[in-house]
Amino acid sequence: TVPWNPVNLIPVGQGDGENLVDMLVVAD
């Protein structure tokens, strides 16, 4: 089961009008 916790959020450039679209793992 995936244990989700509502506090596990990281804001990424909030307020810049852009959406967080995708992600990759690069060099750990």
PDB file of all heavy atoms in Angstrom:
ATOM      1  N   THR A   1       0.863  -1.175   0.000  1.00  0.00           N
ATOM      2  CA  THR A   1       0.000   0.000   0.000  1.00  0.00           C
ATOM      3  C   THR A   1       0.905   1.232   0.000  1.00  0.00           C
ATOM      4  O   THR A   1       1.988   1.212   0.576  1.00  0.00           O
ATOM      5  CB  THR A   1      -0.912   0.041   1.237  1.00  0.00           C
ATOM      6  OG1 THR A   1      -0.099   0.011   2.401  1.00  0.00           O
ATOM      7  CG2 THR A   1      -1.883  -1.118   1.262  1.00  0.00           C
ATOM      8  N   VAL A   2       0.460   2.267  -0.668  1.00  0.00           N
ATOM      9  CA  VAL A   2       1.228   3.508  -0.702  1.00  0.00           C
ATOM     10  C   VAL A   2       0.720   4.396   0.427  1.00  0.00           C
ATOM     11  O   VAL A   2      -0.433   4.818   0.420  1.00  0.00           O
ATOM     12  CB  VAL A   2       1.084   4.221  -2.059  1.00  0.00           C
ATOM     13  CG1 VAL A   2       1.838   5.533  -2.058  1.00  0.00           C
ATOM     14  CG2 VAL A   2       1.568   3.321  -3.192  1.00  0.00           C
ATOM     15  N   PRO A   3       1.574   4.687   1.425  1.00  0.00           N
ATOM     16  CA  PRO A   3       1.144   5.508   2.564  1.00  0.00           C
ATOM     17  C   PRO A   3       1.250   6.999   2.253  1.00  0.00           C
ATOM     18  O   PRO A   3       2.315   7.598   2.323  1.00  0.00           O
ATOM     19  CB  PRO A   3       2.124   5.098   3.673  1.00  0.00           C
ATOM     20  CG  PRO A   3       3.350   4.657   2.951  1.00  0.00           C
ATOM     21  CD  PRO A   3       2.902   4.127   1.615  1.00  0.00           C
ATOM     22  N   TRP A   4       0.139   7.609   1.888  1.00  0.00           N
ATOM     23  CA  TRP A   4       0.121   9.034   1.572  1.00  0.00           C
ATOM     24  C   TRP A   4      -0.065   9.835   2.853  1.00  0.00           C
ATOM     25  O   TRP A   4      -0.841   9.466   3.716  1.00  0.00           O
ATOM     26  CB  TRP A   4      -0.994   9.360   0.591  1.00  0.00           C
ATOM     27  CG  TRP A   4      -0.799   8.717  -0.737  1.00  0.00           C
ATOM     28  CD1 TRP A   4      -1.476   7.641  -1.228  1.00  0.00           C
ATOM     29  CD2 TRP A   4       0.150   9.083  -1.728  1.00  0.00           C
ATOM     30  NE1 TRP A   4      -1.009   7.321  -2.471  1.00  0.00           N
ATOM     31  CE2 TRP A   4      -0.009   8.184  -2.816  1.00  0.00           C
ATOM     32  CE3 TRP A   4       1.127  10.071  -1.828  1.00  0.00           C
ATOM     33  CZ2 TRP A   4       0.750   8.252  -3.968  1.00  0.00           C
ATOM     34  CZ3 TRP A   4       1.895  10.137  -2.989  1.00  0.00           C
ATOM     35  CH2 TRP A   4       1.707   9.246  -4.033  1.00  0.00           C
ATOM     36  N   ASN A   5       0.633  10.950   2.945  1.00  0.00           N
ATOM     37  CA  ASN A   5       0.550  11.832   4.097  1.00  0.00           C
ATOM     38  C   ASN A   5       0.250  13.232   3.558  1.00  0.00           C
ATOM     39  O   ASN A   5       0.986  13.727   2.695  1.00  0.00           O
ATOM     40  CB  ASN A   5       1.884  11.816   4.851  1.00  0.00           C
ATOM     41  CG  ASN A   5       1.843  12.579   6.139  1.00  0.00           C
ATOM     42  OD1 ASN A   5       1.073  13.526   6.309  1.00  0.00           O
ATOM     43  ND2 ASN A   5       2.692  12.177   7.068  1.00  0.00           N
ATOM     44  N   PRO A   6      -0.804  13.894   4.007  1.00  0.00           N
ATOM     45  CA  PRO A   6      -1.184  15.193   3.428  1.00  0.00           C
ATOM     46  C   PRO A   6      -0.141  16.302   3.600  1.00  0.00           C
ATOM     47  O   PRO A   6      -0.205  17.314   2.908  1.00  0.00           O
ATOM     48  CB  PRO A   6      -2.483  15.557   4.133  1.00  0.00           C
ATOM     49  CG  PRO A   6      -2.558  14.682   5.324  1.00  0.00           C
ATOM     50  CD  PRO A   6      -1.727  13.468   5.050  1.00  0.00           C
ATOM     51  N   VAL A   7       0.829  16.120   4.476  1.00  0.00           N
ATOM     52  CA  VAL A   7       1.857  17.159   4.655  1.00  0.00           C
ATOM     53  C   VAL A   7       3.054  16.958   3.726  1.00  0.00           C
ATOM     54  O   VAL A   7       3.954  17.794   3.692  1.00  0.00           O
ATOM     55  CB  VAL A   7       2.345  17.240   6.123  1.00  0.00           C
ATOM     56  CG1 VAL A   7       1.200  17.584   7.042  1.00  0.00           C
ATOM     57  CG2 VAL A   7       3.019  15.957   6.549  1.00  0.00           C
ATOM     58  N   ASN A   8       3.070  15.877   2.969  1.00  0.00           N
ATOM     59  CA  ASN A   8       4.188  15.596   2.072  1.00  0.00           C
ATOM     60  C   ASN A   8       4.027  16.333   0.743  1.00  0.00           C
ATOM     61  O   ASN A   8       3.711  15.755  -0.288  1.00  0.00           O
ATOM     62  CB  ASN A   8       4.333  14.090   1.828  1.00  0.00           C
ATOM     63  CG  ASN A   8       4.819  13.346   3.039  1.00  0.00           C
ATOM     64  OD1 ASN A   8       5.253  13.949   4.018  1.00  0.00           O
ATOM     65  ND2 ASN A   8       4.756  12.031   2.987  1.00  0.00           N
ATOM     66  N   LEU A   9       4.226  17.637   0.796  1.00  0.00           N
ATOM     67  CA  LEU A   9       4.096  18.509  -0.370  1.00  0.00           C
ATOM     68  C   LEU A   9       5.325  19.408  -0.461  1.00  0.00           C
ATOM     69  O   LEU A   9       5.808  19.910   0.544  1.00  0.00           O
ATOM     70  CB  LEU A   9       2.867  19.401  -0.247  1.00  0.00           C
ATOM     71  CG  LEU A   9       1.520  18.723  -0.065  1.00  0.00           C
ATOM     72  CD1 LEU A   9       0.465  19.753   0.292  1.00  0.00           C
ATOM     73  CD2 LEU A   9       1.138  17.979  -1.315  1.00  0.00           C
ATOM     74  N   ILE A  10       5.793  19.615  -1.678  1.00  0.00           N
ATOM     75  CA  ILE A  10       6.891  20.548  -1.904  1.00  0.00           C
ATOM     76  C   ILE A  10       6.423  21.553  -2.940  1.00  0.00           C
ATOM     77  O   ILE A  10       6.153  21.189  -4.089  1.00  0.00           O
ATOM     78  CB  ILE A  10       8.155  19.812  -2.398  1.00  0.00           C
ATOM     79  CG1 ILE A  10       8.622  18.822  -1.339  1.00  0.00           C
ATOM     80  CG2 ILE A  10       9.259  20.815  -2.741  1.00  0.00           C
ATOM     81  CD1 ILE A  10       9.672  17.868  -1.811  1.00  0.00           C
ATOM     82  N   PRO A  11       6.279  22.831  -2.575  1.00  0.00           N
ATOM     83  CA  PRO A  11       5.889  23.847  -3.558  1.00  0.00           C
ATOM     84  C   PRO A  11       7.069  24.125  -4.496  1.00  0.00           C
ATOM     85  O   PRO A  11       8.175  24.368  -4.045  1.00  0.00           O
ATOM     86  CB  PRO A  11       5.538  25.063  -2.711  1.00  0.00           C
ATOM     87  CG  PRO A  11       6.223  24.846  -1.406  1.00  0.00           C
ATOM     88  CD  PRO A  11       6.419  23.380  -1.232  1.00  0.00           C
ATOM     89  N   VAL A  12       6.802  24.075  -5.785  1.00  0.00           N
ATOM     90  CA  VAL A  12       7.846  24.290  -6.797  1.00  0.00           C
ATOM     91  C   VAL A  12       7.512  25.554  -7.572  1.00  0.00           C
ATOM     92  O   VAL A  12       6.677  25.548  -8.463  1.00  0.00           O
ATOM     93  CB  VAL A  12       7.962  23.077  -7.753  1.00  0.00           C
ATOM     94  CG1 VAL A  12       9.063  23.302  -8.770  1.00  0.00           C
ATOM     95  CG2 VAL A  12       8.212  21.794  -6.970  1.00  0.00           C
ATOM     96  N   GLY A  13       8.144  26.666  -7.208  1.00  0.00           N
ATOM     97  CA  GLY A  13       7.931  27.935  -7.904  1.00  0.00           C
ATOM     98  C   GLY A  13       6.495  28.391  -7.896  1.00  0.00           C
ATOM     99  O   GLY A  13       5.998  28.880  -8.918  1.00  0.00           O
ATOM    100  N   GLN A  14       5.821  28.258  -6.769  1.00  0.00           N
ATOM    101  CA  GLN A  14       4.414  28.652  -6.719  1.00  0.00           C
ATOM    102  C   GLN A  14       4.241  30.128  -7.031  1.00  0.00           C
ATOM    103  O   GLN A  14       5.078  30.954  -6.682  1.00  0.00           O
ATOM    104  CB  GLN A  14       3.828  28.338  -5.351  1.00  0.00           C
ATOM    105  CG  GLN A  14       3.409  26.896  -5.216  1.00  0.00           C
ATOM    106  CD  GLN A  14       2.676  26.627  -3.937  1.00  0.00           C
ATOM    107  OE1 GLN A  14       3.187  26.874  -2.866  1.00  0.00           O
ATOM    108  NE2 GLN A  14       1.459  26.109  -4.053  1.00  0.00           N
ATOM    109  N   GLY A  15       3.137  30.429  -7.703  1.00  0.00           N
ATOM    110  CA  GLY A  15       2.818  31.806  -8.020  1.00  0.00           C
ATOM    111  C   GLY A  15       3.417  32.307  -9.318  1.00  0.00           C
ATOM    112  O   GLY A  15       3.209  33.456  -9.694  1.00  0.00           O
ATOM    113  N   ASP A  16       4.151  31.456 -10.040  1.00  0.00           N
ATOM    114  CA  ASP A  16       4.765  31.904 -11.293  1.00  0.00           C
ATOM    115  C   ASP A  16       3.867  31.666 -12.506  1.00  0.00           C
ATOM    116  O   ASP A  16       4.238  31.962 -13.628  1.00  0.00           O
ATOM    117  CB  ASP A  16       6.132  31.248 -11.496  1.00  0.00           C
ATOM    118  CG  ASP A  16       6.068  29.735 -11.639  1.00  0.00           C
ATOM    119  OD1 ASP A  16       4.955  29.169 -11.647  1.00  0.00           O
ATOM    120  OD2 ASP A  16       7.140  29.111 -11.723  1.00  0.00           O
ATOM    121  N   GLY A  17       2.665  31.114 -12.285  1.00  0.00           N
ATOM    122  CA  GLY A  17       1.726  30.887 -13.376  1.00  0.00           C
ATOM    123  C   GLY A  17       2.004  29.640 -14.196  1.00  0.00           C
ATOM    124  O   GLY A  17       1.346  29.403 -15.198  1.00  0.00           O
ATOM    125  N   GLU A  18       2.965  28.840 -13.782  1.00  0.00           N
ATOM    126  CA  GLU A  18       3.307  27.619 -14.502  1.00  0.00           C
ATOM    127  C   GLU A  18       2.857  26.396 -13.713  1.00  0.00           C
ATOM    128  O   GLU A  18       2.816  26.428 -12.494  1.00  0.00           O
ATOM    129  CB  GLU A  18       4.822  27.519 -14.707  1.00  0.00           C
ATOM    130  CG  GLU A  18       5.409  28.606 -15.562  1.00  0.00           C
ATOM    131  CD  GLU A  18       6.910  28.413 -15.736  1.00  0.00           C
ATOM    132  OE1 GLU A  18       7.345  27.281 -16.002  1.00  0.00           O
ATOM    133  OE2 GLU A  18       7.640  29.394 -15.580  1.00  0.00           O
ATOM    134  N   ASN A  19       2.557  25.326 -14.448  1.00  0.00           N
ATOM    135  CA  ASN A  19       2.216  24.053 -13.819  1.00  0.00           C
ATOM    136  C   ASN A  19       3.445  23.169 -13.750  1.00  0.00           C
ATOM    137  O   ASN A  19       4.316  23.232 -14.620  1.00  0.00           O
ATOM    138  CB  ASN A  19       1.147  23.324 -14.627  1.00  0.00           C
ATOM    139  CG  ASN A  19      -0.196  23.989 -14.533  1.00  0.00           C
ATOM    140  OD1 ASN A  19      -0.366  24.961 -13.819  1.00  0.00           O
ATOM    141  ND2 ASN A  19      -1.145  23.465 -15.271  1.00  0.00           N
ATOM    142  N   LEU A  20       3.493  22.310 -12.749  1.00  0.00           N
ATOM    143  CA  LEU A  20       4.517  21.291 -12.653  1.00  0.00           C
ATOM    144  C   LEU A  20       4.070  20.139 -13.543  1.00  0.00           C
ATOM    145  O   LEU A  20       3.097  19.450 -13.250  1.00  0.00           O
ATOM    146  CB  LEU A  20       4.685  20.842 -11.196  1.00  0.00           C
ATOM    147  CG  LEU A  20       5.773  19.835 -10.905  1.00  0.00           C
ATOM    148  CD1 LEU A  20       7.134  20.312 -11.390  1.00  0.00           C
ATOM    149  CD2 LEU A  20       5.808  19.547  -9.406  1.00  0.00           C
ATOM    150  N   VAL A  21       4.761  19.955 -14.678  1.00  0.00           N
ATOM    151  CA  VAL A  21       4.301  19.085 -15.749  1.00  0.00           C
ATOM    152  C   VAL A  21       4.808  17.655 -15.624  1.00  0.00           C
ATOM    153  O   VAL A  21       4.048  16.706 -15.735  1.00  0.00           O
ATOM    154  CB  VAL A  21       4.717  19.666 -17.121  1.00  0.00           C
ATOM    155  CG1 VAL A  21       4.318  18.759 -18.251  1.00  0.00           C
ATOM    156  CG2 VAL A  21       4.110  21.049 -17.306  1.00  0.00           C
ATOM    157  N   ASP A  22       6.110  17.469 -15.408  1.00  0.00           N
ATOM    158  CA  ASP A  22       6.678  16.121 -15.429  1.00  0.00           C
ATOM    159  C   ASP A  22       7.977  16.110 -14.635  1.00  0.00           C
ATOM    160  O   ASP A  22       8.459  17.156 -14.195  1.00  0.00           O
ATOM    161  CB  ASP A  22       6.920  15.667 -16.872  1.00  0.00           C
ATOM    162  CG  ASP A  22       6.743  14.157 -17.059  1.00  0.00           C
ATOM    163  OD1 ASP A  22       6.811  13.409 -16.062  1.00  0.00           O
ATOM    164  OD2 ASP A  22       6.542  13.727 -18.201  1.00  0.00           O
ATOM    165  N   MET A  23       8.579  14.926 -14.484  1.00  0.00           N
ATOM    166  CA  MET A  23       9.816  14.794 -13.722  1.00  0.00           C
ATOM    167  C   MET A  23      10.623  13.600 -14.209  1.00  0.00           C
ATOM    168  O   MET A  23      10.095  12.704 -14.861  1.00  0.00           O
ATOM    169  CB  MET A  23       9.507  14.645 -12.234  1.00  0.00           C
ATOM    170  CG  MET A  23       8.727  13.402 -11.905  1.00  0.00           C
ATOM    171  SD  MET A  23       8.191  13.391 -10.207  1.00  0.00           S
ATOM    172  CE  MET A  23       6.710  12.416 -10.361  1.00  0.00           C
ATOM    173  N   LEU A  24      11.917  13.638 -13.893  1.00  0.00           N
ATOM    174  CA  LEU A  24      12.860  12.559 -14.210  1.00  0.00           C
ATOM    175  C   LEU A  24      13.805  12.372 -13.042  1.00  0.00           C
ATOM    176  O   LEU A  24      14.056  13.311 -12.283  1.00  0.00           O
ATOM    177  CB  LEU A  24      13.743  12.931 -15.410  1.00  0.00           C
ATOM    178  CG  LEU A  24      13.188  12.999 -16.794  1.00  0.00           C
ATOM    179  CD1 LEU A  24      14.255  13.517 -17.752  1.00  0.00           C
ATOM    180  CD2 LEU A  24      12.719  11.642 -17.243  1.00  0.00           C
ATOM    181  N   VAL A  25      14.376  11.187 -12.932  1.00  0.00           N
ATOM    182  CA  VAL A  25      15.478  10.963 -12.005  1.00  0.00           C
ATOM    183  C   VAL A  25      16.756  11.072 -12.814  1.00  0.00           C
ATOM    184  O   VAL A  25      16.943  10.366 -13.802  1.00  0.00           O
ATOM    185  CB  VAL A  25      15.393   9.579 -11.343  1.00  0.00           C
ATOM    186  CG1 VAL A  25      16.610   9.332 -10.455  1.00  0.00           C
ATOM    187  CG2 VAL A  25      14.111   9.457 -10.533  1.00  0.00           C
ATOM    188  N   VAL A  26      17.635  11.999 -12.408  1.00  0.00           N
ATOM    189  CA  VAL A  26      18.916  12.199 -13.079  1.00  0.00           C
ATOM    190  C   VAL A  26      19.989  12.314 -12.001  1.00  0.00           C
ATOM    191  O   VAL A  26      19.905  13.189 -11.130  1.00  0.00           O
ATOM    192  CB  VAL A  26      18.912  13.474 -13.959  1.00  0.00           C
ATOM    193  CG1 VAL A  26      20.260  13.698 -14.606  1.00  0.00           C
ATOM    194  CG2 VAL A  26      17.814  13.395 -15.010  1.00  0.00           C
ATOM    195  N   ALA A  27      20.986  11.442 -12.060  1.00  0.00           N
ATOM    196  CA  ALA A  27      22.115  11.481 -11.120  1.00  0.00           C
ATOM    197  C   ALA A  27      21.643  11.502  -9.666  1.00  0.00           C
ATOM    198  O   ALA A  27      22.101  12.293  -8.863  1.00  0.00           O
ATOM    199  CB  ALA A  27      23.019  12.673 -11.415  1.00  0.00           C
ATOM    200  N   ASP A  28      20.698  10.638  -9.329  1.00  0.00           N
ATOM    201  CA  ASP A  28      20.180  10.493  -7.976  1.00  0.00           C
ATOM    202  C   ASP A  28      19.484  11.751  -7.455  1.00  0.00           C
ATOM    203  O   ASP A  28      19.410  11.983  -6.247  1.00  0.00           O
ATOM    204  CB  ASP A  28      21.277  10.053  -7.005  1.00  0.00           C
ATOM    205  CG  ASP A  28      20.705   9.344  -5.787  1.00  0.00           C
ATOM    206  OD1 ASP A  28      19.678   8.660  -5.933  1.00  0.00           O
ATOM    207  OD2 ASP A  28      21.261   9.503  -4.689  1.00  0.00           O
TER     208      ASP A  28
END
